[in-house]
Amino acid sequence: MIKVAKIKYLGGHRLRATFSDGMAGEYDFSGIVSEGGPTAEPLRDPAFFARVFLEDGAPTWPNGFDAAPGWLRSEIEAAGTLSREAAAWPRTLTSQGTTSV
């Protein structure tokens, strides 16, 4: 089962999700929060939206609103922004105290 392993707030109503299989992408929740509804309404405030956290692999907000990881992944894939997460370059410390790649 795919879960969200990392979530990053990008501003406005956009998030970058990295999934448990190493794939990642961005999603704009503007359409969802503009549709309304009692649980989506607080998310209209970008400061509240930025309080996103992961609970059991799902992006979740303090009011209980959450996004199913499978749904989020399919939305990101449909938007064409799903790609392999860039791995950090391996770095080693040299004897001179500088970093080499």
N, C-alpha and C. Protein backbone atom coordinates (compact mmCIF):
# COMPACT_ATOMS: atom_id res chain seq x y z
N MET A 1 0.84 -1.18 0.00
CA MET A 1 0.00 0.00 0.00
C MET A 1 0.89 1.25 0.00
N ILE A 2 0.63 2.15 -0.92
CA ILE A 2 1.39 3.39 -1.03
C ILE A 2 0.96 4.35 0.08
N LYS A 3 1.95 4.96 0.71
CA LYS A 3 1.71 5.99 1.71
C LYS A 3 2.54 7.21 1.35
N VAL A 4 2.19 8.33 1.93
CA VAL A 4 3.01 9.53 1.78
C VAL A 4 4.07 9.46 2.87
N ALA A 5 5.33 9.51 2.45
CA ALA A 5 6.45 9.42 3.39
C ALA A 5 6.92 10.80 3.85
N LYS A 6 6.78 11.81 2.97
CA LYS A 6 7.18 13.18 3.29
C LYS A 6 6.17 14.12 2.66
N ILE A 7 5.92 15.22 3.34
CA ILE A 7 5.02 16.24 2.80
C ILE A 7 5.67 17.60 3.01
N LYS A 8 5.58 18.45 2.01
CA LYS A 8 6.18 19.78 2.10
C LYS A 8 5.18 20.81 1.62
N TYR A 9 4.97 21.82 2.44
CA TYR A 9 4.10 22.94 2.07
C TYR A 9 4.86 23.85 1.11
N LEU A 10 4.24 24.19 -0.01
CA LEU A 10 4.90 25.01 -1.03
C LEU A 10 4.36 26.43 -1.14
N GLY A 11 3.37 26.75 -0.33
CA GLY A 11 2.75 28.07 -0.41
C GLY A 11 1.36 27.96 -0.99
N GLY A 12 0.53 28.93 -0.66
CA GLY A 12 -0.85 28.90 -1.15
C GLY A 12 -1.55 27.64 -0.69
N HIS A 13 -2.01 26.84 -1.65
CA HIS A 13 -2.66 25.57 -1.37
C HIS A 13 -1.95 24.42 -2.07
N ARG A 14 -0.63 24.56 -2.22
CA ARG A 14 0.17 23.56 -2.91
C ARG A 14 1.04 22.77 -1.94
N LEU A 15 1.12 21.46 -2.21
CA LEU A 15 1.97 20.56 -1.44
C LEU A 15 2.83 19.74 -2.37
N ARG A 16 3.97 19.33 -1.87
CA ARG A 16 4.80 18.34 -2.56
C ARG A 16 4.79 17.10 -1.69
N ALA A 17 4.37 15.99 -2.28
CA ALA A 17 4.29 14.72 -1.57
C ALA A 17 5.33 13.77 -2.12
N THR A 18 6.06 13.11 -1.22
CA THR A 18 6.97 12.03 -1.60
C THR A 18 6.36 10.75 -1.05
N PHE A 19 6.17 9.79 -1.93
CA PHE A 19 5.50 8.54 -1.58
C PHE A 19 6.50 7.49 -1.12
N SER A 20 5.98 6.46 -0.48
CA SER A 20 6.81 5.42 0.12
C SER A 20 7.63 4.64 -0.91
N ASP A 21 7.30 4.74 -2.20
CA ASP A 21 8.07 4.06 -3.23
C ASP A 21 9.10 4.98 -3.89
N GLY A 22 9.28 6.19 -3.35
CA GLY A 22 10.28 7.12 -3.87
C GLY A 22 9.78 8.05 -4.96
N MET A 23 8.54 7.90 -5.38
CA MET A 23 7.97 8.80 -6.38
C MET A 23 7.45 10.04 -5.66
N ALA A 24 7.45 11.17 -6.37
CA ALA A 24 7.04 12.43 -5.74
C ALA A 24 6.39 13.34 -6.78
N GLY A 25 5.65 14.33 -6.28
CA GLY A 25 5.04 15.30 -7.16
C GLY A 25 4.29 16.35 -6.38
N GLU A 26 3.84 17.37 -7.09
CA GLU A 26 3.14 18.49 -6.48
C GLU A 26 1.66 18.43 -6.80
N TYR A 27 0.86 18.94 -5.86
CA TYR A 27 -0.58 19.01 -6.09
C TYR A 27 -1.11 20.32 -5.51
N ASP A 28 -1.99 20.96 -6.26
CA ASP A 28 -2.62 22.20 -5.84
C ASP A 28 -4.04 21.88 -5.37
N PHE A 29 -4.30 22.09 -4.09
CA PHE A 29 -5.59 21.80 -3.49
C PHE A 29 -6.59 22.95 -3.64
N SER A 30 -6.27 23.99 -4.41
CA SER A 30 -7.14 25.16 -4.54
C SER A 30 -8.57 24.80 -4.94
N GLY A 31 -8.71 23.88 -5.87
CA GLY A 31 -10.04 23.48 -6.32
C GLY A 31 -10.85 22.83 -5.22
N ILE A 32 -10.20 22.03 -4.42
CA ILE A 32 -10.89 21.32 -3.34
C ILE A 32 -11.32 22.29 -2.25
N VAL A 33 -10.42 23.17 -1.84
CA VAL A 33 -10.77 24.08 -0.75
C VAL A 33 -11.78 25.14 -1.19
N SER A 34 -11.84 25.46 -2.47
CA SER A 34 -12.80 26.45 -2.94
C SER A 34 -14.21 25.87 -3.06
N GLU A 35 -14.32 24.54 -3.16
CA GLU A 35 -15.63 23.90 -3.26
C GLU A 35 -16.42 24.02 -1.97
N GLY A 36 -15.73 24.25 -0.89
CA GLY A 36 -16.42 24.44 0.38
C GLY A 36 -16.66 23.16 1.14
N GLY A 37 -17.63 23.23 2.01
CA GLY A 37 -17.90 22.12 2.90
C GLY A 37 -17.30 22.45 4.26
N PRO A 38 -17.88 21.92 5.32
CA PRO A 38 -17.45 22.30 6.65
C PRO A 38 -16.00 21.93 6.98
N THR A 39 -15.51 20.81 6.48
CA THR A 39 -14.12 20.45 6.82
C THR A 39 -13.12 21.13 5.90
N ALA A 40 -13.52 21.49 4.70
CA ALA A 40 -12.59 22.15 3.77
C ALA A 40 -12.48 23.64 4.03
N GLU A 41 -13.49 24.24 4.63
CA GLU A 41 -13.50 25.69 4.83
C GLU A 41 -12.27 26.23 5.56
N PRO A 42 -11.83 25.64 6.68
CA PRO A 42 -10.65 26.17 7.36
C PRO A 42 -9.39 26.14 6.50
N LEU A 43 -9.34 25.23 5.54
CA LEU A 43 -8.16 25.10 4.68
C LEU A 43 -8.02 26.26 3.70
N ARG A 44 -9.04 27.07 3.56
CA ARG A 44 -8.95 28.25 2.68
C ARG A 44 -7.89 29.22 3.17
N ASP A 45 -7.69 29.26 4.46
CA ASP A 45 -6.66 30.12 5.05
C ASP A 45 -5.30 29.46 4.84
N PRO A 46 -4.41 30.07 4.04
CA PRO A 46 -3.12 29.45 3.79
C PRO A 46 -2.31 29.13 5.05
N ALA A 47 -2.48 29.94 6.09
CA ALA A 47 -1.76 29.67 7.34
C ALA A 47 -2.25 28.36 7.97
N PHE A 48 -3.54 28.11 7.90
CA PHE A 48 -4.08 26.86 8.42
C PHE A 48 -3.68 25.71 7.50
N PHE A 49 -3.77 25.93 6.20
CA PHE A 49 -3.39 24.89 5.23
C PHE A 49 -1.94 24.44 5.45
N ALA A 50 -1.08 25.39 5.80
CA ALA A 50 0.35 25.10 6.01
C ALA A 50 0.58 24.19 7.21
N ARG A 51 -0.41 23.99 8.05
CA ARG A 51 -0.26 23.15 9.23
C ARG A 51 -0.42 21.66 8.92
N VAL A 52 -0.36 21.29 7.66
CA VAL A 52 -0.48 19.89 7.24
C VAL A 52 0.57 19.03 7.93
N PHE A 53 0.20 17.80 8.25
CA PHE A 53 1.12 16.83 8.82
C PHE A 53 0.72 15.45 8.30
N LEU A 54 1.55 14.47 8.54
CA LEU A 54 1.25 13.10 8.10
C LEU A 54 0.71 12.29 9.26
N GLU A 55 -0.38 11.60 9.00
CA GLU A 55 -0.94 10.67 9.98
C GLU A 55 -1.23 9.35 9.25
N ASP A 56 -0.53 8.32 9.64
CA ASP A 56 -0.67 7.01 8.98
C ASP A 56 -0.46 7.11 7.47
N GLY A 57 0.48 7.94 7.05
CA GLY A 57 0.82 8.06 5.63
C GLY A 57 -0.13 8.90 4.81
N ALA A 58 -1.00 9.67 5.46
CA ALA A 58 -1.95 10.53 4.75
C ALA A 58 -1.76 11.97 5.17
N PRO A 59 -1.71 12.91 4.21
CA PRO A 59 -1.69 14.33 4.58
C PRO A 59 -2.97 14.65 5.36
N THR A 60 -2.80 15.28 6.52
CA THR A 60 -3.91 15.53 7.43
C THR A 60 -3.76 16.93 8.01
N TRP A 61 -4.90 17.55 8.32
CA TRP A 61 -4.89 18.88 8.93
C TRP A 61 -5.51 18.79 10.31
N PRO A 62 -5.24 19.80 11.16
CA PRO A 62 -5.71 19.76 12.54
C PRO A 62 -7.23 19.61 12.71
N ASN A 63 -8.03 19.97 11.72
CA ASN A 63 -9.48 19.84 11.84
C ASN A 63 -9.98 18.45 11.43
N GLY A 64 -9.07 17.54 11.08
CA GLY A 64 -9.45 16.18 10.71
C GLY A 64 -9.56 15.94 9.21
N PHE A 65 -9.48 16.98 8.40
CA PHE A 65 -9.51 16.81 6.94
C PHE A 65 -8.25 16.05 6.54
N ASP A 66 -8.40 15.06 5.66
CA ASP A 66 -7.21 14.35 5.17
C ASP A 66 -7.39 14.00 3.70
N ALA A 67 -6.28 13.61 3.09
CA ALA A 67 -6.28 13.21 1.68
C ALA A 67 -5.75 11.79 1.60
N ALA A 68 -6.51 10.90 0.99
CA ALA A 68 -6.09 9.52 0.84
C ALA A 68 -4.84 9.46 -0.03
N PRO A 69 -3.80 8.75 0.40
CA PRO A 69 -2.55 8.70 -0.37
C PRO A 69 -2.74 8.19 -1.80
N GLY A 70 -3.56 7.16 -2.00
CA GLY A 70 -3.80 6.63 -3.35
C GLY A 70 -4.46 7.64 -4.25
N TRP A 71 -5.44 8.36 -3.71
CA TRP A 71 -6.11 9.40 -4.48
C TRP A 71 -5.12 10.50 -4.85
N LEU A 72 -4.32 10.95 -3.87
CA LEU A 72 -3.36 12.03 -4.11
C LEU A 72 -2.37 11.63 -5.18
N ARG A 73 -1.87 10.40 -5.10
CA ARG A 73 -0.91 9.93 -6.10
C ARG A 73 -1.54 9.91 -7.49
N SER A 74 -2.77 9.44 -7.61
CA SER A 74 -3.40 9.39 -8.93
C SER A 74 -3.65 10.79 -9.48
N GLU A 75 -3.97 11.74 -8.61
CA GLU A 75 -4.16 13.13 -9.05
C GLU A 75 -2.85 13.73 -9.54
N ILE A 76 -1.77 13.48 -8.83
CA ILE A 76 -0.45 13.98 -9.22
C ILE A 76 -0.03 13.34 -10.54
N GLU A 77 -0.27 12.05 -10.66
CA GLU A 77 0.08 11.34 -11.89
C GLU A 77 -0.72 11.88 -13.07
N ALA A 78 -2.03 12.10 -12.87
CA ALA A 78 -2.88 12.63 -13.93
C ALA A 78 -2.44 14.03 -14.37
N ALA A 79 -1.90 14.80 -13.42
CA ALA A 79 -1.41 16.15 -13.75
C ALA A 79 -0.07 16.12 -14.46
N GLY A 80 0.56 14.95 -14.49
CA GLY A 80 1.84 14.81 -15.19
C GLY A 80 3.04 15.26 -14.39
N THR A 81 2.90 15.39 -13.08
CA THR A 81 4.04 15.87 -12.28
C THR A 81 4.65 14.79 -11.40
N LEU A 82 4.23 13.53 -11.55
CA LEU A 82 4.79 12.45 -10.75
C LEU A 82 6.13 12.03 -11.33
N SER A 83 7.17 12.01 -10.49
CA SER A 83 8.50 11.60 -10.95
C SER A 83 9.28 11.00 -9.78
N ARG A 84 10.38 10.38 -10.11
CA ARG A 84 11.23 9.80 -9.07
C ARG A 84 11.85 10.93 -8.27
N GLU A 85 11.80 10.81 -6.93
CA GLU A 85 12.40 11.82 -6.04
C GLU A 85 13.91 11.84 -6.28
N ALA A 86 14.45 13.02 -6.45
CA ALA A 86 15.90 13.15 -6.65
C ALA A 86 16.62 12.73 -5.38
N ALA A 87 17.54 11.81 -5.51
CA ALA A 87 18.33 11.36 -4.36
C ALA A 87 19.38 12.40 -4.03
N ALA A 88 19.66 12.53 -2.77
CA ALA A 88 20.72 13.45 -2.35
C ALA A 88 22.06 12.92 -2.84
N TRP A 89 22.90 13.82 -3.30
CA TRP A 89 24.22 13.41 -3.74
C TRP A 89 25.01 12.86 -2.55
N PRO A 90 25.71 11.76 -2.74
CA PRO A 90 26.54 11.27 -1.64
C PRO A 90 27.70 12.23 -1.42
N ARG A 91 27.93 12.59 -0.20
CA ARG A 91 29.00 13.53 0.13
C ARG A 91 29.94 12.89 1.13
N THR A 92 31.20 13.15 0.96
CA THR A 92 32.19 12.66 1.91
C THR A 92 33.07 13.82 2.33
N LEU A 93 33.52 13.79 3.54
CA LEU A 93 34.39 14.82 4.07
C LEU A 93 35.83 14.43 3.77
N THR A 94 36.55 15.33 3.13
CA THR A 94 37.95 15.05 2.80
C THR A 94 38.84 15.37 3.98
N SER A 95 40.08 14.97 3.90
CA SER A 95 41.01 15.21 5.00
C SER A 95 41.30 16.70 5.20
N GLN A 96 41.02 17.53 4.17
CA GLN A 96 41.22 18.98 4.29
C GLN A 96 39.98 19.66 4.89
N GLY A 97 38.94 18.89 5.22
CA GLY A 97 37.75 19.46 5.82
C GLY A 97 36.76 20.02 4.82
N THR A 98 37.00 19.78 3.52
CA THR A 98 36.06 20.23 2.51
C THR A 98 35.17 19.06 2.10
N THR A 99 34.08 19.38 1.45
CA THR A 99 33.14 18.36 1.03
C THR A 99 33.37 18.04 -0.42
N SER A 100 33.39 16.75 -0.74
CA SER A 100 33.50 16.35 -2.14
C SER A 100 32.26 15.54 -2.51
N VAL A 101 31.99 15.53 -3.81
CA VAL A 101 30.82 14.80 -4.30
C VAL A 101 31.28 13.63 -5.11
